Amino acid sequence: MAPYIFMERNGIHIIDLQKTVIKVDEAAAALKQIAKSGRKILFVATKKQAKDIVADRVSKVNMPYVTERWSGGMLTNFPTVRKAVKKMTSIDKMATDGTFDHLSKREKLQIQRERAKLEKNLGSIADLTRLPAALFVIDIQKEKIAVAEARRLQIPVFAMVDTNSNPNLVDYVIPSNDDAAKAIDLIISAMAAAIQEGVSERKADKDSTGDKDGAAKDSKGSAKKLAAKKAKFADDEEDFEEEELDDEELDGEELDTEEVDEETEE
């Protein structure tokens, strides 16, 4: 962390805030592009002072987060995690379709306890249907298992890194105090704002693309209608010409009959 330390005073390392601002902007820009592409960013913060902040800020931008214990293999053994999430949804279905009515009181209690346990550990990632595109970690020492799994799967890691941590384990380093609630709130709010901006831009791009497609379809439809009208007009002209030819032939036949009558009279 030496490049990010401004000075040392009374055995306390002071972080260079100018470098922190630069790194926050870099991380925010990268997260914005990920959100704009429609992919998910998983936030990991099991520290007491970070739990509520992350849950509040991240849930507003519809991103998954882990604020309870990190279950080993949550990334490297993702299919098993998905099975647990499906089990949780099946329990919910049982509660709504009347299956619970046929169970004993003890069985209901056991299932409800299992559901509560799953909700506590996996409830915030229930909508995560595939591996996240990035991981945002608060305190890489405490969340070293999550960082190790992400590195193994080559998932980019964004992290708030304190002076007692190794920044080489992280792709996007944000040098900051990961124990201060105010610092966590400030940085997480900046990341959430960048993600929201990326999601909004994605939505705007989709709307504009839809409008263009609609306009293209309208123009194609108009062109088809115009072509049909031209074809009909051409057919009408041909019919009119044929009628004229038929009239001329009839006139010629009448002339011939008149000549024949004149000859017979003579």
Protein backbone atom coordinates (compact mmCIF):
# COMPACT_ATOMS: atom_id res chain seq x y z
CA MET A 1 0.00 0.00 0.00
CA ALA A 2 3.06 2.28 -0.01
CA PRO A 3 2.07 4.12 -3.24
CA TYR A 4 -1.25 5.14 -1.67
CA ILE A 5 0.08 6.34 1.71
CA PHE A 6 0.53 10.07 2.16
CA MET A 7 2.48 10.01 5.43
CA GLU A 8 2.93 8.27 8.76
CA ARG A 9 2.18 9.96 12.07
CA ASN A 10 2.45 8.36 15.49
CA GLY A 11 2.52 4.89 13.95
CA ILE A 12 -0.66 5.57 11.92
CA HIS A 13 -0.54 5.54 8.11
CA ILE A 14 -2.53 8.33 6.44
CA ILE A 15 -3.97 7.57 3.00
CA ASP A 16 -3.46 10.02 0.14
CA LEU A 17 -7.03 11.17 -0.55
CA GLN A 18 -6.16 12.58 -3.97
CA LYS A 19 -5.24 9.09 -5.12
CA THR A 20 -8.41 7.76 -3.48
CA VAL A 21 -10.53 10.18 -5.55
CA ILE A 22 -8.78 9.07 -8.76
CA LYS A 23 -9.32 5.40 -7.93
CA VAL A 24 -12.97 5.98 -7.00
CA ASP A 25 -13.57 7.59 -10.40
CA GLU A 26 -11.84 4.69 -12.20
CA ALA A 27 -13.85 2.07 -10.32
CA ALA A 28 -17.12 3.97 -10.83
CA ALA A 29 -16.50 4.23 -14.60
CA ALA A 30 -15.77 0.49 -14.83
CA LEU A 31 -18.86 -0.45 -12.79
CA LYS A 32 -20.98 1.86 -14.93
CA GLN A 33 -19.92 0.02 -18.10
CA ILE A 34 -20.65 -3.36 -16.51
CA ALA A 35 -24.12 -2.21 -15.43
CA LYS A 36 -24.72 -0.72 -18.88
CA SER A 37 -24.00 -4.11 -20.44
CA GLY A 38 -26.77 -5.64 -18.31
CA ARG A 39 -24.53 -7.78 -16.09
CA LYS A 40 -24.56 -8.07 -12.29
CA ILE A 41 -22.06 -6.89 -9.67
CA LEU A 42 -21.99 -8.84 -6.40
CA PHE A 43 -21.25 -6.77 -3.27
CA VAL A 44 -19.66 -8.53 -0.30
CA ALA A 45 -19.64 -6.86 3.12
CA THR A 46 -20.04 -8.98 6.23
CA LYS A 47 -18.51 -6.40 8.60
CA LYS A 48 -20.89 -5.09 11.21
CA GLN A 49 -20.42 -1.42 10.26
CA ALA A 50 -20.90 -2.13 6.54
CA LYS A 51 -23.89 -4.53 6.51
CA ASP A 52 -26.75 -2.07 6.73
CA ILE A 53 -25.11 0.50 4.46
CA VAL A 54 -24.49 -2.01 1.66
CA ALA A 55 -27.93 -3.61 1.98
CA ASP A 56 -29.63 -0.21 1.79
CA ARG A 57 -27.62 1.32 -1.07
CA VAL A 58 -27.19 -1.76 -3.24
CA SER A 59 -30.79 -2.99 -3.02
CA LYS A 60 -31.92 0.31 -4.56
CA VAL A 61 -30.00 -0.44 -7.76
CA ASN A 62 -31.18 -4.10 -7.88
CA MET A 63 -27.73 -5.65 -7.43
CA PRO A 64 -27.03 -8.81 -5.38
CA TYR A 65 -25.13 -8.58 -2.11
CA VAL A 66 -23.88 -10.76 0.72
CA THR A 67 -23.98 -9.26 4.20
CA GLU A 68 -24.10 -12.46 6.25
CA ARG A 69 -21.47 -15.18 6.35
CA TRP A 70 -19.80 -15.92 3.02
CA SER A 71 -20.56 -19.56 2.23
CA GLY A 72 -17.50 -21.29 0.82
CA GLY A 73 -17.99 -22.19 -2.82
CA MET A 74 -20.61 -19.52 -3.45
CA LEU A 75 -18.79 -18.74 -6.72
CA THR A 76 -16.71 -21.84 -7.46
CA ASN A 77 -19.64 -24.15 -6.66
CA PHE A 78 -22.35 -21.90 -8.05
CA PRO A 79 -24.67 -24.69 -9.38
CA THR A 80 -25.11 -26.01 -5.82
CA VAL A 81 -25.95 -22.52 -4.60
CA ARG A 82 -28.57 -22.25 -7.34
CA LYS A 83 -30.10 -25.54 -6.17
CA ALA A 84 -30.43 -24.09 -2.66
CA VAL A 85 -32.12 -20.99 -4.08
CA LYS A 86 -34.53 -23.18 -6.07
CA LYS A 87 -35.31 -25.10 -2.91
CA MET A 88 -36.18 -21.82 -1.20
CA THR A 89 -38.55 -20.88 -4.03
CA SER A 90 -40.14 -24.35 -3.94
CA ILE A 91 -40.87 -23.87 -0.23
CA ASP A 92 -42.53 -20.56 -1.07
CA LYS A 93 -44.61 -22.34 -3.69
CA MET A 94 -45.66 -24.95 -1.14
CA ALA A 95 -46.92 -22.17 1.12
CA THR A 96 -49.10 -20.70 -1.64
CA ASP A 97 -50.50 -23.81 -3.38
CA GLY A 98 -51.92 -25.37 -0.22
CA THR A 99 -49.31 -28.10 0.29
CA PHE A 100 -48.68 -26.87 3.83
CA ASP A 101 -52.27 -27.73 4.75
CA HIS A 102 -51.50 -31.44 4.41
CA LEU A 103 -48.37 -31.35 6.60
CA SER A 104 -48.14 -31.83 10.32
CA LYS A 105 -47.29 -28.96 12.64
CA ARG A 106 -43.78 -30.31 13.23
CA GLU A 107 -43.04 -30.66 9.50
CA LYS A 108 -44.25 -27.12 8.88
CA LEU A 109 -41.96 -25.80 11.63
CA GLN A 110 -38.94 -27.64 10.23
CA ILE A 111 -39.56 -26.35 6.70
CA GLN A 112 -40.07 -22.79 7.94
CA ARG A 113 -36.80 -22.92 9.88
CA GLU A 114 -34.99 -24.21 6.80
CA ARG A 115 -36.57 -21.44 4.73
CA ALA A 116 -35.47 -18.78 7.24
CA LYS A 117 -31.89 -20.11 7.18
CA LEU A 118 -31.77 -20.08 3.39
CA GLU A 119 -33.25 -16.60 3.30
CA LYS A 120 -30.63 -15.31 5.72
CA ASN A 121 -27.69 -16.67 3.71
CA LEU A 122 -28.97 -16.59 0.13
CA GLY A 123 -31.99 -14.28 0.06
CA SER A 124 -30.08 -11.34 -1.38
CA ILE A 125 -28.68 -13.40 -4.29
CA ALA A 126 -31.91 -15.19 -5.19
CA ASP A 127 -32.10 -13.26 -8.48
CA LEU A 128 -28.50 -14.07 -9.41
CA THR A 129 -29.04 -16.67 -12.15
CA ARG A 130 -25.41 -16.77 -13.33
CA LEU A 131 -21.96 -15.82 -12.07
CA PRO A 132 -21.53 -12.08 -11.47
CA ALA A 133 -19.46 -9.98 -13.84
CA ALA A 134 -17.59 -8.37 -10.95
CA LEU A 135 -17.14 -8.51 -7.18
CA PHE A 136 -17.08 -5.46 -4.90
CA VAL A 137 -15.51 -6.24 -1.52
CA ILE A 138 -15.19 -4.27 1.70
CA ASP A 139 -12.13 -5.46 3.66
CA ILE A 140 -10.30 -8.01 1.51
CA GLN A 141 -8.68 -9.57 4.57
CA LYS A 142 -12.01 -10.47 6.13
CA GLU A 143 -13.43 -11.58 2.78
CA LYS A 144 -10.30 -13.41 1.61
CA ILE A 145 -12.26 -16.53 0.59
CA ALA A 146 -14.55 -14.49 -1.68
CA VAL A 147 -11.53 -12.75 -3.24
CA ALA A 148 -9.75 -16.09 -3.76
CA GLU A 149 -12.81 -17.61 -5.49
CA ALA A 150 -13.20 -14.56 -7.75
CA ARG A 151 -9.51 -14.65 -8.71
CA ARG A 152 -9.77 -18.35 -9.47
CA LEU A 153 -12.71 -17.73 -11.82
CA GLN A 154 -11.03 -14.61 -13.27
CA ILE A 155 -13.84 -12.34 -12.06
CA PRO A 156 -12.68 -8.70 -11.66
CA VAL A 157 -12.44 -7.61 -8.03
CA PHE A 158 -13.22 -4.07 -6.87
CA ALA A 159 -12.38 -3.40 -3.23
CA MET A 160 -11.93 -0.85 -0.50
CA VAL A 161 -8.35 -1.59 0.58
CA ASP A 162 -6.93 -0.41 3.89
CA THR A 163 -3.26 0.19 4.69
CA ASN A 164 -2.89 -3.28 6.24
CA SER A 165 -3.97 -5.15 3.07
CA ASN A 166 -2.29 -6.28 -0.14
CA PRO A 167 -3.61 -4.29 -3.14
CA ASN A 168 -2.08 -6.76 -5.61
CA LEU A 169 -4.99 -9.15 -4.94
CA VAL A 170 -7.46 -6.62 -6.35
CA ASP A 171 -8.05 -5.43 -9.92
CA TYR A 172 -9.56 -2.06 -8.96
CA VAL A 173 -8.09 -0.71 -5.73
CA ILE A 174 -9.85 2.01 -3.74
CA PRO A 175 -7.43 3.01 -0.94
CA SER A 176 -9.58 3.92 2.04
CA ASN A 177 -10.41 3.17 5.65
CA ASP A 178 -12.62 0.07 5.49
CA ASP A 179 -13.50 0.35 9.19
CA ALA A 180 -15.12 3.79 9.08
CA ALA A 181 -18.87 3.75 8.42
CA LYS A 182 -18.77 7.24 6.86
CA ALA A 183 -16.06 6.22 4.39
CA ILE A 184 -17.97 3.05 3.48
CA ASP A 185 -21.19 5.01 3.00
CA LEU A 186 -19.48 7.61 0.80
CA ILE A 187 -17.79 5.11 -1.51
CA ILE A 188 -20.73 2.70 -1.75
CA SER A 189 -23.04 5.63 -2.57
CA ALA A 190 -20.68 6.70 -5.38
CA MET A 191 -20.58 3.16 -6.78
CA ALA A 192 -24.37 2.81 -6.55
CA ALA A 193 -24.83 6.13 -8.38
CA ALA A 194 -22.50 4.98 -11.18
CA ILE A 195 -24.39 1.68 -11.48
CA GLN A 196 -27.73 3.48 -11.60
CA GLU A 197 -26.40 5.74 -14.35
CA GLY A 198 -25.26 2.74 -16.36
CA VAL A 199 -28.65 1.02 -15.97
CA SER A 200 -30.45 4.23 -17.04
CA GLU A 201 -28.27 4.57 -20.14
CA ARG A 202 -28.95 0.93 -21.04
CA LYS A 203 -32.68 1.54 -20.76
CA ALA A 204 -32.45 4.72 -22.87
CA ASP A 205 -30.47 2.86 -25.55
CA LYS A 206 -33.09 0.11 -25.62
CA ASP A 207 -35.90 2.64 -25.98
CA SER A 208 -34.14 4.46 -28.81
CA THR A 209 -33.40 1.15 -30.56
CA GLY A 210 -37.05 0.17 -30.22
CA ASP A 211 -38.16 3.50 -31.70
CA LYS A 212 -35.76 3.06 -34.62
CA ASP A 213 -37.01 -0.47 -35.23
CA GLY A 214 -40.59 0.78 -35.13
CA ALA A 215 -39.80 3.57 -37.58
CA ALA A 216 -38.01 1.10 -39.86
CA LYS A 217 -41.01 -1.23 -39.76
CA ASP A 218 -43.34 1.67 -40.54
CA SER A 219 -41.20 2.74 -43.48
CA LYS A 220 -41.07 -0.84 -44.75
CA GLY A 221 -44.84 -1.10 -44.41
CA SER A 222 -45.33 2.19 -46.26
CA ALA A 223 -42.99 1.06 -49.02
CA LYS A 224 -44.90 -2.21 -49.37
CA LYS A 225 -48.22 -0.36 -49.53
CA LEU A 226 -46.84 2.03 -52.17
CA ALA A 227 -45.51 -0.89 -54.23
CA ALA A 228 -48.89 -2.62 -53.99
CA LYS A 229 -50.67 0.55 -55.14
CA LYS A 230 -48.27 0.89 -58.08
CA ALA A 231 -48.80 -2.74 -59.06
CA LYS A 232 -52.58 -2.29 -58.86
CA PHE A 233 -52.37 0.88 -60.95
CA ALA A 234 -50.27 -0.96 -63.56
CA ASP A 235 -52.83 -3.79 -63.68
CA ASP A 236 -55.64 -1.27 -64.13
CA GLU A 237 -53.75 0.36 -67.01
CA GLU A 238 -53.27 -3.03 -68.69
CA ASP A 239 -56.98 -3.80 -68.31
CA PHE A 240 -57.85 -0.40 -69.76
CA GLU A 241 -55.54 -0.96 -72.75
CA GLU A 242 -57.05 -4.40 -73.34
CA GLU A 243 -60.55 -2.88 -73.27
CA GLU A 244 -59.47 -0.25 -75.83
CA LEU A 245 -58.05 -2.97 -78.05
CA ASP A 246 -61.29 -4.92 -77.80
CA ASP A 247 -63.28 -1.82 -78.75
CA GLU A 248 -61.03 -1.22 -81.77
CA GLU A 249 -61.50 -4.84 -82.89
CA LEU A 250 -65.27 -4.50 -82.54
CA ASP A 251 -65.20 -1.29 -84.59
CA GLY A 252 -63.18 -3.07 -87.27
CA GLU A 253 -65.65 -5.95 -87.36
CA GLU A 254 -68.57 -3.51 -87.73
CA LEU A 255 -66.80 -1.83 -90.64
CA ASP A 256 -66.27 -5.20 -92.31
CA THR A 257 -69.94 -6.13 -91.97
CA GLU A 258 -71.02 -2.77 -93.45
CA GLU A 259 -68.75 -3.31 -96.49
CA VAL A 260 -70.18 -6.82 -96.97
CA ASP A 261 -73.74 -5.42 -96.87
CA GLU A 262 -72.88 -2.79 -99.44
CA GLU A 263 -71.44 -5.42 -101.78
CA THR A 264 -74.52 -7.62 -101.49
CA GLU A 265 -76.79 -4.71 -102.28
CA GLU A 266 -74.80 -4.01 -105.46
